[in-house]
PDB file of N, CA and C in Angstrom:
ATOM      1  N   MET A   1     -20.370  18.158  -0.834  1.00  0.00           N
ATOM      2  CA  MET A   1     -19.294  17.285  -0.540  1.00  0.00           C
ATOM      3  C   MET A   1     -19.209  16.398  -2.003  1.00  0.00           C
ATOM      4  N   GLU A   2     -18.043  16.303  -2.460  1.00  0.00           N
ATOM      5  CA  GLU A   2     -17.913  15.588  -3.768  1.00  0.00           C
ATOM      6  C   GLU A   2     -17.467  14.214  -3.403  1.00  0.00           C
ATOM      7  N   ALA A   3     -17.994  13.190  -4.275  1.00  0.00           N
ATOM      8  CA  ALA A   3     -17.877  11.925  -4.190  1.00  0.00           C
ATOM      9  C   ALA A   3     -16.471  11.524  -4.777  1.00  0.00           C
ATOM     10  N   LYS A   4     -15.946  10.614  -4.146  1.00  0.00           N
ATOM     11  CA  LYS A   4     -14.526  10.328  -4.506  1.00  0.00           C
ATOM     12  C   LYS A   4     -14.535   9.448  -5.822  1.00  0.00           C
ATOM     13  N   LYS A   5     -13.712   9.612  -6.697  1.00  0.00           N
ATOM     14  CA  LYS A   5     -13.592   8.832  -7.823  1.00  0.00           C
ATOM     15  C   LYS A   5     -12.624   7.651  -7.493  1.00  0.00           C
ATOM     16  N   GLY A   6     -12.820   6.513  -8.493  1.00  0.00           N
ATOM     17  CA  GLY A   6     -11.708   5.476  -8.391  1.00  0.00           C
ATOM     18  C   GLY A   6     -12.220   4.325  -7.567  1.00  0.00           C
ATOM     19  N   PHE A   7     -11.550   3.395  -7.404  1.00  0.00           N
ATOM     20  CA  PHE A   7     -11.846   2.095  -6.807  1.00  0.00           C
ATOM     21  C   PHE A   7     -10.747   2.018  -5.691  1.00  0.00           C
ATOM     22  N   ARG A   8     -11.160   1.662  -4.480  1.00  0.00           N
ATOM     23  CA  ARG A   8     -10.417   1.858  -3.170  1.00  0.00           C
ATOM     24  C   ARG A   8     -10.011   0.458  -2.741  1.00  0.00           C
ATOM     25  N   ALA A   9      -8.929   0.452  -1.957  1.00  0.00           N
ATOM     26  CA  ALA A   9      -8.556  -0.645  -1.135  1.00  0.00           C
ATOM     27  C   ALA A   9      -7.770  -0.106  -0.185  1.00  0.00           C
ATOM     28  N   VAL A  10      -7.889  -0.695   1.218  1.00  0.00           N
ATOM     29  CA  VAL A  10      -7.276  -0.342   2.333  1.00  0.00           C
ATOM     30  C   VAL A  10      -6.662  -1.561   3.250  1.00  0.00           C
ATOM     31  N   SER A  11      -5.370  -1.423   3.483  1.00  0.00           N
ATOM     32  CA  SER A  11      -4.955  -2.502   4.569  1.00  0.00           C
ATOM     33  C   SER A  11      -4.267  -1.695   5.762  1.00  0.00           C
ATOM     34  N   LYS A  12      -4.866  -2.223   6.828  1.00  0.00           N
ATOM     35  CA  LYS A  12      -4.385  -1.542   8.084  1.00  0.00           C
ATOM     36  C   LYS A  12      -3.483  -2.337   8.914  1.00  0.00           C
ATOM     37  N   ASN A  13      -2.756  -1.665   9.792  1.00  0.00           N
ATOM     38  CA  ASN A  13      -2.049  -2.361  10.918  1.00  0.00           C
ATOM     39  C   ASN A  13      -0.923  -3.315  10.361  1.00  0.00           C
ATOM     40  N   LEU A  14      -0.347  -3.096   9.277  1.00  0.00           N
ATOM     41  CA  LEU A  14       0.492  -4.020   8.685  1.00  0.00           C
ATOM     42  C   LEU A  14       1.942  -3.854   9.607  1.00  0.00           C
ATOM     43  N   PRO A  15       2.574  -4.825   9.865  1.00  0.00           N
ATOM     44  CA  PRO A  15       3.699  -4.926  11.002  1.00  0.00           C
ATOM     45  C   PRO A  15       4.928  -4.562  10.232  1.00  0.00           C
ATOM     46  N   MET A  16       4.960  -3.347   9.667  1.00  0.00           N
ATOM     47  CA  MET A  16       6.273  -2.863   9.014  1.00  0.00           C
ATOM     48  C   MET A  16       6.388  -1.261   9.187  1.00  0.00           C
ATOM     49  N   SER A  17       7.313  -0.601   9.345  1.00  0.00           N
ATOM     50  CA  SER A  17       7.484   0.693   9.490  1.00  0.00           C
ATOM     51  C   SER A  17       7.074   1.485   8.229  1.00  0.00           C
ATOM     52  N   PRO A  18       6.398   2.674   8.382  1.00  0.00           N
ATOM     53  CA  PRO A  18       6.009   3.416   7.063  1.00  0.00           C
ATOM     54  C   PRO A  18       7.198   3.823   6.308  1.00  0.00           C
ATOM     55  N   SER A  19       8.146   4.305   6.911  1.00  0.00           N
ATOM     56  CA  SER A  19       9.415   4.631   6.259  1.00  0.00           C
ATOM     57  C   SER A  19      10.082   3.662   5.547  1.00  0.00           C
ATOM     58  N   LYS A  20       9.817   2.403   5.623  1.00  0.00           N
ATOM     59  CA  LYS A  20      10.241   1.359   4.821  1.00  0.00           C
ATOM     60  C   LYS A  20       9.449   1.036   3.680  1.00  0.00           C
ATOM     61  N   ILE A  21       8.174   1.494   3.896  1.00  0.00           N
ATOM     62  CA  ILE A  21       7.164   1.041   2.559  1.00  0.00           C
ATOM     63  C   ILE A  21       7.020   2.361   1.783  1.00  0.00           C
ATOM     64  N   ARG A  22       7.272   3.666   2.421  1.00  0.00           N
ATOM     65  CA  ARG A  22       7.096   4.778   1.299  1.00  0.00           C
ATOM     66  C   ARG A  22       8.164   4.770   0.129  1.00  0.00           C
ATOM     67  N   PRO A  23       9.534   4.396   0.339  1.00  0.00           N
ATOM     68  CA  PRO A  23      10.307   4.449  -0.850  1.00  0.00           C
ATOM     69  C   PRO A  23       9.771   3.451  -1.886  1.00  0.00           C
ATOM     70  N   ILE A  24       9.172   2.233  -1.524  1.00  0.00           N
ATOM     71  CA  ILE A  24       8.722   1.282  -2.531  1.00  0.00           C
ATOM     72  C   ILE A  24       7.486   1.885  -3.171  1.00  0.00           C
ATOM     73  N   ALA A  25       6.516   2.612  -2.369  1.00  0.00           N
ATOM     74  CA  ALA A  25       5.475   3.309  -2.980  1.00  0.00           C
ATOM     75  C   ALA A  25       5.781   4.242  -3.979  1.00  0.00           C
ATOM     76  N   ASP A  26       6.854   4.815  -3.818  1.00  0.00           N
ATOM     77  CA  ASP A  26       7.163   6.019  -4.732  1.00  0.00           C
ATOM     78  C   ASP A  26       7.580   5.386  -6.135  1.00  0.00           C
ATOM     79  N   HIS A  27       7.923   4.247  -6.252  1.00  0.00           N
ATOM     80  CA  HIS A  27       8.146   3.517  -7.419  1.00  0.00           C
ATOM     81  C   HIS A  27       6.969   3.216  -8.276  1.00  0.00           C
ATOM     82  N   VAL A  28       5.856   3.024  -7.737  1.00  0.00           N
ATOM     83  CA  VAL A  28       4.615   2.699  -8.394  1.00  0.00           C
ATOM     84  C   VAL A  28       3.586   3.704  -8.490  1.00  0.00           C
ATOM     85  N   ARG A  29       3.689   4.669  -7.868  1.00  0.00           N
ATOM     86  CA  ARG A  29       2.682   5.938  -8.093  1.00  0.00           C
ATOM     87  C   ARG A  29       2.599   6.469  -9.523  1.00  0.00           C
ATOM     88  N   ARG A  30       1.359   6.492  -9.732  1.00  0.00           N
ATOM     89  CA  ARG A  30       0.940   7.093 -11.144  1.00  0.00           C
ATOM     90  C   ARG A  30       1.440   6.255 -12.202  1.00  0.00           C
ATOM     91  N   LYS A  31       1.495   4.955 -11.873  1.00  0.00           N
ATOM     92  CA  LYS A  31       2.025   3.965 -13.015  1.00  0.00           C
ATOM     93  C   LYS A  31       0.684   3.119 -13.594  1.00  0.00           C
ATOM     94  N   PRO A  32       0.683   2.660 -14.550  1.00  0.00           N
ATOM     95  CA  PRO A  32      -0.515   1.583 -14.963  1.00  0.00           C
ATOM     96  C   PRO A  32      -0.375   0.503 -14.192  1.00  0.00           C
ATOM     97  N   TYR A  33      -1.764  -0.070 -13.909  1.00  0.00           N
ATOM     98  CA  TYR A  33      -1.778  -1.316 -12.879  1.00  0.00           C
ATOM     99  C   TYR A  33      -0.718  -2.354 -13.383  1.00  0.00           C
ATOM    100  N   ALA A  34      -0.589  -2.848 -14.619  1.00  0.00           N
ATOM    101  CA  ALA A  34       0.222  -3.975 -14.997  1.00  0.00           C
ATOM    102  C   ALA A  34       1.683  -3.710 -14.829  1.00  0.00           C
ATOM    103  N   ASP A  35       1.996  -2.352 -14.967  1.00  0.00           N
ATOM    104  CA  ASP A  35       3.368  -1.990 -14.737  1.00  0.00           C
ATOM    105  C   ASP A  35       3.707  -1.745 -13.312  1.00  0.00           C
ATOM    106  N   ALA A  36       2.961  -1.487 -12.495  1.00  0.00           N
ATOM    107  CA  ALA A  36       2.889  -1.388 -11.010  1.00  0.00           C
ATOM    108  C   ALA A  36       3.081  -2.846 -10.427  1.00  0.00           C
ATOM    109  N   ILE A  37       2.292  -3.858 -10.840  1.00  0.00           N
ATOM    110  CA  ILE A  37       2.417  -5.196 -10.337  1.00  0.00           C
ATOM    111  C   ILE A  37       3.816  -5.825 -10.844  1.00  0.00           C
ATOM    112  N   ALA A  38       4.127  -5.615 -12.052  1.00  0.00           N
ATOM    113  CA  ALA A  38       5.467  -6.042 -12.548  1.00  0.00           C
ATOM    114  C   ALA A  38       6.587  -5.409 -11.785  1.00  0.00           C
ATOM    115  N   ILE A  39       6.626  -4.086 -11.536  1.00  0.00           N
ATOM    116  CA  ILE A  39       7.621  -3.565 -10.660  1.00  0.00           C
ATOM    117  C   ILE A  39       7.823  -4.256  -9.167  1.00  0.00           C
ATOM    118  N   LEU A  40       6.531  -4.336  -8.733  1.00  0.00           N
ATOM    119  CA  LEU A  40       6.589  -4.952  -7.354  1.00  0.00           C
ATOM    120  C   LEU A  40       7.116  -6.315  -7.196  1.00  0.00           C
ATOM    121  N   ASP A  41       6.657  -7.074  -8.324  1.00  0.00           N
ATOM    122  CA  ASP A  41       7.140  -8.461  -8.521  1.00  0.00           C
ATOM    123  C   ASP A  41       8.649  -8.552  -8.537  1.00  0.00           C
ATOM    124  N   SER A  42       9.251  -7.555  -9.198  1.00  0.00           N
ATOM    125  CA  SER A  42      10.691  -7.470  -9.211  1.00  0.00           C
ATOM    126  C   SER A  42      11.452  -7.153  -8.085  1.00  0.00           C
ATOM    127  N   LEU A  43      10.735  -6.533  -7.084  1.00  0.00           N
ATOM    128  CA  LEU A  43      11.403  -5.864  -5.841  1.00  0.00           C
ATOM    129  C   LEU A  43      11.557  -7.078  -4.850  1.00  0.00           C
ATOM    130  N   PRO A  44      12.845  -7.139  -4.095  1.00  0.00           N
ATOM    131  CA  PRO A  44      12.928  -8.008  -3.144  1.00  0.00           C
ATOM    132  C   PRO A  44      12.288  -7.694  -1.738  1.00  0.00           C
ATOM    133  N   ASN A  45      11.967  -6.458  -1.696  1.00  0.00           N
ATOM    134  CA  ASN A  45      11.483  -5.887  -0.251  1.00  0.00           C
ATOM    135  C   ASN A  45      10.203  -6.623   0.206  1.00  0.00           C
ATOM    136  N   LYS A  46      10.045  -6.664   1.516  1.00  0.00           N
ATOM    137  CA  LYS A  46       8.827  -7.282   2.283  1.00  0.00           C
ATOM    138  C   LYS A  46       7.718  -6.357   1.866  1.00  0.00           C
ATOM    139  N   GLY A  47       7.944  -5.169   1.827  1.00  0.00           N
ATOM    140  CA  GLY A  47       6.857  -3.942   1.786  1.00  0.00           C
ATOM    141  C   GLY A  47       6.214  -4.212   0.313  1.00  0.00           C
ATOM    142  N   ALA A  48       7.040  -4.657  -0.657  1.00  0.00           N
ATOM    143  CA  ALA A  48       6.632  -4.635  -1.898  1.00  0.00           C
ATOM    144  C   ALA A  48       5.463  -5.547  -2.205  1.00  0.00           C
ATOM    145  N   GLY A  49       5.684  -6.753  -1.336  1.00  0.00           N
ATOM    146  CA  GLY A  49       4.555  -7.846  -1.223  1.00  0.00           C
ATOM    147  C   GLY A  49       3.218  -7.259  -0.649  1.00  0.00           C
ATOM    148  N   TYR A  50       3.339  -6.460   0.445  1.00  0.00           N
ATOM    149  CA  TYR A  50       2.123  -5.754   0.848  1.00  0.00           C
ATOM    150  C   TYR A  50       1.598  -4.696   0.040  1.00  0.00           C
ATOM    151  N   LEU A  51       2.380  -4.034  -0.647  1.00  0.00           N
ATOM    152  CA  LEU A  51       1.803  -3.137  -1.874  1.00  0.00           C
ATOM    153  C   LEU A  51       1.173  -3.881  -2.750  1.00  0.00           C
ATOM    154  N   LYS A  52       1.610  -4.848  -3.232  1.00  0.00           N
ATOM    155  CA  LYS A  52       1.128  -5.594  -4.455  1.00  0.00           C
ATOM    156  C   LYS A  52      -0.177  -6.196  -3.939  1.00  0.00           C
ATOM    157  N   LYS A  53      -0.442  -6.710  -2.790  1.00  0.00           N
ATOM    158  CA  LYS A  53      -1.633  -7.238  -2.365  1.00  0.00           C
ATOM    159  C   LYS A  53      -2.644  -6.199  -2.376  1.00  0.00           C
ATOM    160  N   VAL A  54      -2.295  -5.067  -1.706  1.00  0.00           N
ATOM    161  CA  VAL A  54      -3.433  -3.953  -1.772  1.00  0.00           C
ATOM    162  C   VAL A  54      -3.849  -3.448  -3.061  1.00  0.00           C
ATOM    163  N   ILE A  55      -2.962  -3.244  -3.924  1.00  0.00           N
ATOM    164  CA  ILE A  55      -3.136  -2.879  -5.381  1.00  0.00           C
ATOM    165  C   ILE A  55      -4.003  -3.972  -6.107  1.00  0.00           C
ATOM    166  N   ALA A  56      -3.631  -5.202  -5.991  1.00  0.00           N
ATOM    167  CA  ALA A  56      -4.384  -6.338  -6.549  1.00  0.00           C
ATOM    168  C   ALA A  56      -5.896  -6.305  -5.881  1.00  0.00           C
ATOM    169  N   SER A  57      -5.887  -6.003  -4.780  1.00  0.00           N
ATOM    170  CA  SER A  57      -7.390  -5.880  -3.968  1.00  0.00           C
ATOM    171  C   SER A  57      -8.117  -4.913  -4.637  1.00  0.00           C
ATOM    172  N   ALA A  58      -7.537  -3.516  -4.875  1.00  0.00           N
ATOM    173  CA  ALA A  58      -8.189  -2.507  -5.504  1.00  0.00           C
ATOM    174  C   ALA A  58      -8.577  -3.015  -6.908  1.00  0.00           C
ATOM    175  N   ALA A  59      -7.766  -3.589  -7.644  1.00  0.00           N
ATOM    176  CA  ALA A  59      -7.998  -3.992  -8.878  1.00  0.00           C
ATOM    177  C   ALA A  59      -9.308  -4.974  -8.920  1.00  0.00           C
ATOM    178  N   ALA A  60      -9.351  -5.973  -8.207  1.00  0.00           N
ATOM    179  CA  ALA A  60     -10.450  -6.888  -8.012  1.00  0.00           C
ATOM    180  C   ALA A  60     -11.676  -5.947  -7.635  1.00  0.00           C
ATOM    181  N   ASN A  61     -11.712  -5.029  -6.709  1.00  0.00           N
ATOM    182  CA  ASN A  61     -12.703  -4.187  -6.490  1.00  0.00           C
ATOM    183  C   ASN A  61     -13.359  -3.502  -7.712  1.00  0.00           C
ATOM    184  N   ALA A  62     -12.391  -2.902  -8.547  1.00  0.00           N
ATOM    185  CA  ALA A  62     -12.799  -2.391  -9.728  1.00  0.00           C
ATOM    186  C   ALA A  62     -13.377  -3.255 -10.755  1.00  0.00           C
ATOM    187  N   MET A  63     -12.940  -4.643 -10.861  1.00  0.00           N
ATOM    188  CA  MET A  63     -13.533  -5.603 -11.565  1.00  0.00           C
ATOM    189  C   MET A  63     -15.036  -5.945 -11.183  1.00  0.00           C
ATOM    190  N   TYR A  64     -15.080  -5.976  -9.959  1.00  0.00           N
ATOM    191  CA  TYR A  64     -16.353  -6.565  -9.226  1.00  0.00           C
ATOM    192  C   TYR A  64     -17.358  -5.449  -9.562  1.00  0.00           C
ATOM    193  N   GLN A  65     -17.012  -4.058  -9.279  1.00  0.00           N
ATOM    194  CA  GLN A  65     -18.007  -2.950  -9.373  1.00  0.00           C
ATOM    195  C   GLN A  65     -18.408  -2.593 -10.824  1.00  0.00           C
ATOM    196  N   ASP A  66     -17.391  -2.924 -11.825  1.00  0.00           N
ATOM    197  CA  ASP A  66     -17.758  -2.580 -13.100  1.00  0.00           C
ATOM    198  C   ASP A  66     -17.093  -3.546 -13.981  1.00  0.00           C
ATOM    199  N   GLN A  67     -18.226  -4.457 -14.482  1.00  0.00           N
ATOM    200  CA  GLN A  67     -17.946  -5.542 -15.233  1.00  0.00           C
ATOM    201  C   GLN A  67     -17.333  -5.482 -16.531  1.00  0.00           C
ATOM    202  N   ASN A  68     -17.417  -4.408 -17.295  1.00  0.00           N
ATOM    203  CA  ASN A  68     -17.028  -4.029 -18.499  1.00  0.00           C
ATOM    204  C   ASN A  68     -15.679  -3.389 -18.373  1.00  0.00           C
ATOM    205  N   LEU A  69     -15.077  -3.123 -17.296  1.00  0.00           N
ATOM    206  CA  LEU A  69     -13.843  -2.425 -17.224  1.00  0.00           C
ATOM    207  C   LEU A  69     -12.708  -3.249 -17.664  1.00  0.00           C
ATOM    208  N   ASP A  70     -11.884  -2.723 -18.460  1.00  0.00           N
ATOM    209  CA  ASP A  70     -10.609  -3.483 -18.900  1.00  0.00           C
ATOM    210  C   ASP A  70      -9.348  -3.322 -17.998  1.00  0.00           C
ATOM    211  N   GLU A  71      -8.757  -4.202 -17.535  1.00  0.00           N
ATOM    212  CA  GLU A  71      -7.790  -4.190 -16.633  1.00  0.00           C
ATOM    213  C   GLU A  71      -6.528  -3.277 -17.163  1.00  0.00           C
ATOM    214  N   ASP A  72      -6.343  -3.152 -18.298  1.00  0.00           N
ATOM    215  CA  ASP A  72      -5.305  -2.313 -19.002  1.00  0.00           C
ATOM    216  C   ASP A  72      -5.672  -1.014 -18.903  1.00  0.00           C
ATOM    217  N   SER A  73      -6.816  -0.212 -18.632  1.00  0.00           N
ATOM    218  CA  SER A  73      -7.134   1.059 -18.476  1.00  0.00           C
ATOM    219  C   SER A  73      -7.077   1.520 -17.152  1.00  0.00           C
ATOM    220  N   LEU A  74      -6.532   0.682 -16.105  1.00  0.00           N
ATOM    221  CA  LEU A  74      -6.433   1.102 -14.750  1.00  0.00           C
ATOM    222  C   LEU A  74      -5.071   1.718 -14.369  1.00  0.00           C
ATOM    223  N   PHE A  75      -4.964   2.816 -13.450  1.00  0.00           N
ATOM    224  CA  PHE A  75      -3.620   3.216 -12.989  1.00  0.00           C
ATOM    225  C   PHE A  75      -3.681   3.456 -11.648  1.00  0.00           C
ATOM    226  N   VAL A  76      -2.674   3.527 -10.986  1.00  0.00           N
ATOM    227  CA  VAL A  76      -2.595   3.888  -9.647  1.00  0.00           C
ATOM    228  C   VAL A  76      -2.671   5.236  -9.364  1.00  0.00           C
ATOM    229  N   ALA A  77      -3.997   6.013  -9.106  1.00  0.00           N
ATOM    230  CA  ALA A  77      -4.267   7.340  -8.847  1.00  0.00           C
ATOM    231  C   ALA A  77      -3.772   7.886  -7.528  1.00  0.00           C
ATOM    232  N   GLU A  78      -3.765   7.130  -6.597  1.00  0.00           N
ATOM    233  CA  GLU A  78      -3.423   7.519  -5.256  1.00  0.00           C
ATOM    234  C   GLU A  78      -2.877   6.366  -4.441  1.00  0.00           C
ATOM    235  N   LEU A  79      -1.799   6.697  -3.892  1.00  0.00           N
ATOM    236  CA  LEU A  79      -1.296   5.673  -2.936  1.00  0.00           C
ATOM    237  C   LEU A  79      -0.743   6.411  -1.707  1.00  0.00           C
ATOM    238  N   LEU A  80      -1.340   5.902  -0.624  1.00  0.00           N
ATOM    239  CA  LEU A  80      -0.868   6.711   0.736  1.00  0.00           C
ATOM    240  C   LEU A  80      -0.417   5.515   1.554  1.00  0.00           C
ATOM    241  N   VAL A  81       0.728   5.817   2.213  1.00  0.00           N
ATOM    242  CA  VAL A  81       1.123   4.916   3.371  1.00  0.00           C
ATOM    243  C   VAL A  81       1.278   5.822   4.609  1.00  0.00           C
ATOM    244  N   ASP A  82       0.475   5.553   5.514  1.00  0.00           N
ATOM    245  CA  ASP A  82       0.560   6.436   6.851  1.00  0.00           C
ATOM    246  C   ASP A  82       0.842   5.550   7.913  1.00  0.00           C
ATOM    247  N   GLY A  83       1.105   6.047   9.109  1.00  0.00           N
ATOM    248  CA  GLY A  83       1.538   5.419  10.180  1.00  0.00           C
ATOM    249  C   GLY A  83       0.183   4.795  10.927  1.00  0.00           C
ATOM    250  N   GLY A  84       0.562   3.580  11.515  1.00  0.00           N
ATOM    251  CA  GLY A  84      -0.414   2.996  12.451  1.00  0.00           C
ATOM    252  C   GLY A  84      -0.069   2.986  13.765  1.00  0.00           C
ATOM    253  N   PRO A  85      -0.820   2.262  14.583  1.00  0.00           N
ATOM    254  CA  PRO A  85      -0.380   2.383  15.916  1.00  0.00           C
ATOM    255  C   PRO A  85       0.909   1.713  16.324  1.00  0.00           C
ATOM    256  N   SER A  86       1.626   2.290  17.261  1.00  0.00           N
ATOM    257  CA  SER A  86       2.916   1.704  17.592  1.00  0.00           C
ATOM    258  C   SER A  86       2.862   0.779  18.913  1.00  0.00           C
ATOM    259  N   ARG A  87       3.482  -0.261  18.764  1.00  0.00           N
ATOM    260  CA  ARG A  87       3.600  -1.226  19.944  1.00  0.00           C
ATOM    261  C   ARG A  87       4.924  -0.949  20.642  1.00  0.00           C
ATOM    262  N   LYS A  88       4.749  -0.787  22.029  1.00  0.00           N
ATOM    263  CA  LYS A  88       6.132  -0.488  22.894  1.00  0.00           C
ATOM    264  C   LYS A  88       6.304  -1.661  23.558  1.00  0.00           C
ATOM    265  N   THR A  89       7.449  -2.297  23.574  1.00  0.00           N
ATOM    266  CA  THR A  89       8.010  -3.379  24.178  1.00  0.00           C
ATOM    267  C   THR A  89       9.140  -3.059  24.891  1.00  0.00           C
ATOM    268  N   ILE A  90       9.428  -3.923  25.901  1.00  0.00           N
ATOM    269  CA  ILE A  90      10.568  -3.730  26.738  1.00  0.00           C
ATOM    270  C   ILE A  90      11.750  -4.345  26.187  1.00  0.00           C
ATOM    271  N   TRP A  91      12.846  -4.051  26.193  1.00  0.00           N
ATOM    272  CA  TRP A  91      14.190  -4.506  25.675  1.00  0.00           C
ATOM    273  C   TRP A  91      15.053  -4.668  26.764  1.00  0.00           C
ATOM    274  N   PRO A  92      15.265  -5.873  27.394  1.00  0.00           N
ATOM    275  CA  PRO A  92      16.171  -6.180  28.444  1.00  0.00           C
ATOM    276  C   PRO A  92      17.694  -5.650  28.127  1.00  0.00           C
ATOM    277  N   ARG A  93      18.273  -4.952  28.926  1.00  0.00           N
ATOM    278  CA  ARG A  93      19.675  -4.560  28.978  1.00  0.00           C
ATOM    279  C   ARG A  93      20.466  -5.120  30.264  1.00  0.00           C
ATOM    280  N   SER A  94      21.933  -4.836  30.075  1.00  0.00           N
ATOM    281  CA  SER A  94      22.574  -5.338  31.119  1.00  0.00           C
ATOM    282  C   SER A  94      22.388  -4.587  32.428  1.00  0.00           C
ATOM    283  N   ARG A  95      22.840  -5.167  33.592  1.00  0.00           N
ATOM    284  CA  ARG A  95      22.657  -4.595  35.024  1.00  0.00           C
ATOM    285  C   ARG A  95      21.245  -4.193  35.327  1.00  0.00           C
ATOM    286  N   GLY A  96      20.256  -4.900  34.842  1.00  0.00           N
ATOM    287  CA  GLY A  96      18.833  -4.911  35.286  1.00  0.00           C
ATOM    288  C   GLY A  96      18.248  -3.634  34.743  1.00  0.00           C
ATOM    289  N   ARG A  97      18.749  -2.813  33.711  1.00  0.00           N
ATOM    290  CA  ARG A  97      18.138  -1.869  33.103  1.00  0.00           C
ATOM    291  C   ARG A  97      17.182  -2.514  32.006  1.00  0.00           C
ATOM    292  N   ALA A  98      16.364  -1.476  31.354  1.00  0.00           N
ATOM    293  CA  ALA A  98      15.463  -1.897  30.256  1.00  0.00           C
ATOM    294  C   ALA A  98      15.335  -0.622  29.320  1.00  0.00           C
ATOM    295  N   ASP A  99      15.363  -0.748  28.032  1.00  0.00           N
ATOM    296  CA  ASP A  99      15.010   0.131  27.040  1.00  0.00           C
ATOM    297  C   ASP A  99      13.617  -0.168  26.552  1.00  0.00           C
ATOM    298  N   ARG A 100      13.079   0.826  25.936  1.00  0.00           N
ATOM    299  CA  ARG A 100      11.834   0.737  25.195  1.00  0.00           C
ATOM    300  C   ARG A 100      12.169   0.518  23.671  1.00  0.00           C
ATOM    301  N   GLN A 101      11.455  -0.615  23.198  1.00  0.00           N
ATOM    302  CA  GLN A 101      11.527  -0.627  21.635  1.00  0.00           C
ATOM    303  C   GLN A 101      10.217  -0.404  21.092  1.00  0.00           C
ATOM    304  N   ILE A 102      10.251   0.436  19.969  1.00  0.00           N
ATOM    305  CA  ILE A 102       8.805   0.784  19.387  1.00  0.00           C
ATOM    306  C   ILE A 102       8.917   0.050  18.007  1.00  0.00           C
ATOM    307  N   LYS A 103       7.927  -0.823  18.190  1.00  0.00           N
ATOM    308  CA  LYS A 103       7.450  -1.507  16.794  1.00  0.00           C
ATOM    309  C   LYS A 103       6.305  -0.655  16.062  1.00  0.00           C
ATOM    310  N   ARG A 104       6.682  -0.093  14.974  1.00  0.00           N
ATOM    311  CA  ARG A 104       5.799   0.663  14.192  1.00  0.00           C
ATOM    312  C   ARG A 104       5.028  -0.274  13.173  1.00  0.00           C
ATOM    313  N   SER A 105       3.703   0.255  12.840  1.00  0.00           N
ATOM    314  CA  SER A 105       2.912  -0.457  12.039  1.00  0.00           C
ATOM    315  C   SER A 105       2.372   0.801  10.746  1.00  0.00           C
ATOM    316  N   SER A 106       1.860   0.276   9.896  1.00  0.00           N
ATOM    317  CA  SER A 106       1.245   1.071   8.665  1.00  0.00           C
ATOM    318  C   SER A 106       0.122   0.803   8.259  1.00  0.00           C
ATOM    319  N   HIS A 107      -0.555   1.894   7.579  1.00  0.00           N
ATOM    320  CA  HIS A 107      -1.900   1.663   7.099  1.00  0.00           C
ATOM    321  C   HIS A 107      -1.435   1.936   5.413  1.00  0.00           C
ATOM    322  N   ILE A 108      -2.075   1.275   4.315  1.00  0.00           N
ATOM    323  CA  ILE A 108      -1.817   1.458   3.278  1.00  0.00           C
ATOM    324  C   ILE A 108      -3.372   1.727   2.628  1.00  0.00           C
ATOM    325  N   SER A 109      -3.521   2.886   1.733  1.00  0.00           N
ATOM    326  CA  SER A 109      -4.586   3.204   0.999  1.00  0.00           C
ATOM    327  C   SER A 109      -4.382   3.393  -0.378  1.00  0.00           C
ATOM    328  N   VAL A 110      -5.059   2.634  -1.397  1.00  0.00           N
ATOM    329  CA  VAL A 110      -4.734   2.709  -2.708  1.00  0.00           C
ATOM    330  C   VAL A 110      -6.122   3.026  -3.396  1.00  0.00           C
ATOM    331  N   VAL A 111      -5.961   3.935  -4.452  1.00  0.00           N
ATOM    332  CA  VAL A 111      -7.153   4.260  -5.312  1.00  0.00           C
ATOM    333  C   VAL A 111      -6.695   4.050  -6.733  1.00  0.00           C
ATOM    334  N   LEU A 112      -7.282   3.231  -7.429  1.00  0.00           N
ATOM    335  CA  LEU A 112      -7.119   2.886  -8.893  1.00  0.00           C
ATOM    336  C   LEU A 112      -8.058   3.614  -9.624  1.00  0.00           C
ATOM    337  N   ASP A 113      -7.899   4.128 -10.824  1.00  0.00           N
ATOM    338  CA  ASP A 113      -8.692   4.947 -11.726  1.00  0.00           C
ATOM    339  C   ASP A 113      -8.617   4.586 -12.979  1.00  0.00           C
ATOM    340  N   GLN A 114      -9.608   4.799 -13.789  1.00  0.00           N
ATOM    341  CA  GLN A 114      -9.452   4.608 -15.105  1.00  0.00           C
ATOM    342  C   GLN A 114      -8.713   5.742 -16.040  1.00  0.00           C
ATOM    343  N   LYS A 115      -8.012   5.311 -17.066  1.00  0.00           N
ATOM    344  CA  LYS A 115      -7.326   6.406 -17.728  1.00  0.00           C
ATOM    345  C   LYS A 115      -8.351   6.927 -18.742  1.00  0.00           C
ATOM    346  N   ALA A 116      -8.283   8.218 -18.923  1.00  0.00           N
ATOM    347  CA  ALA A 116      -9.153   8.954 -19.864  1.00  0.00           C
ATOM    348  C   ALA A 116      -9.035   8.607 -21.118  1.00  0.00           C
ATOM    349  N   VAL A 117     -10.155   8.199 -21.857  1.00  0.00           N
ATOM    350  CA  VAL A 117     -10.155   7.928 -23.215  1.00  0.00           C
ATOM    351  C   VAL A 117     -10.319   9.156 -24.122  1.00  0.00           C
ATOM    352  N   ASN A 118      -9.243   9.366 -24.913  1.00  0.00           N
ATOM    353  CA  ASN A 118      -9.325  10.777 -25.831  1.00  0.00           C
ATOM    354  C   ASN A 118     -10.066  10.382 -27.028  1.00  0.00           C
TER     355      ASN A 118
END
């Protein structure tokens, strides 16, 4: 079994649909850490704030695990947005009927890695 490379951070059960977060994640995949944070700062979406928090947490994990690490050498190696548990609530309708409303949640996993020095 091969050990995974990189520095990980995971955020689970975020109250937002994965389909809303995935297009934002596509903007920052494979980008340098500083560029990814700058891109997420400029986006108005709520999901950008969630992604920024998780990426910053992975960077903090990297700095804690390797004291000699330079922040400029980090890049977003892997960024996964998966579906979490769904909450099903009742939505009252007219004439005593009811519809089901599905409130989806997300899990975000980030792996930051160092750029290869040539």
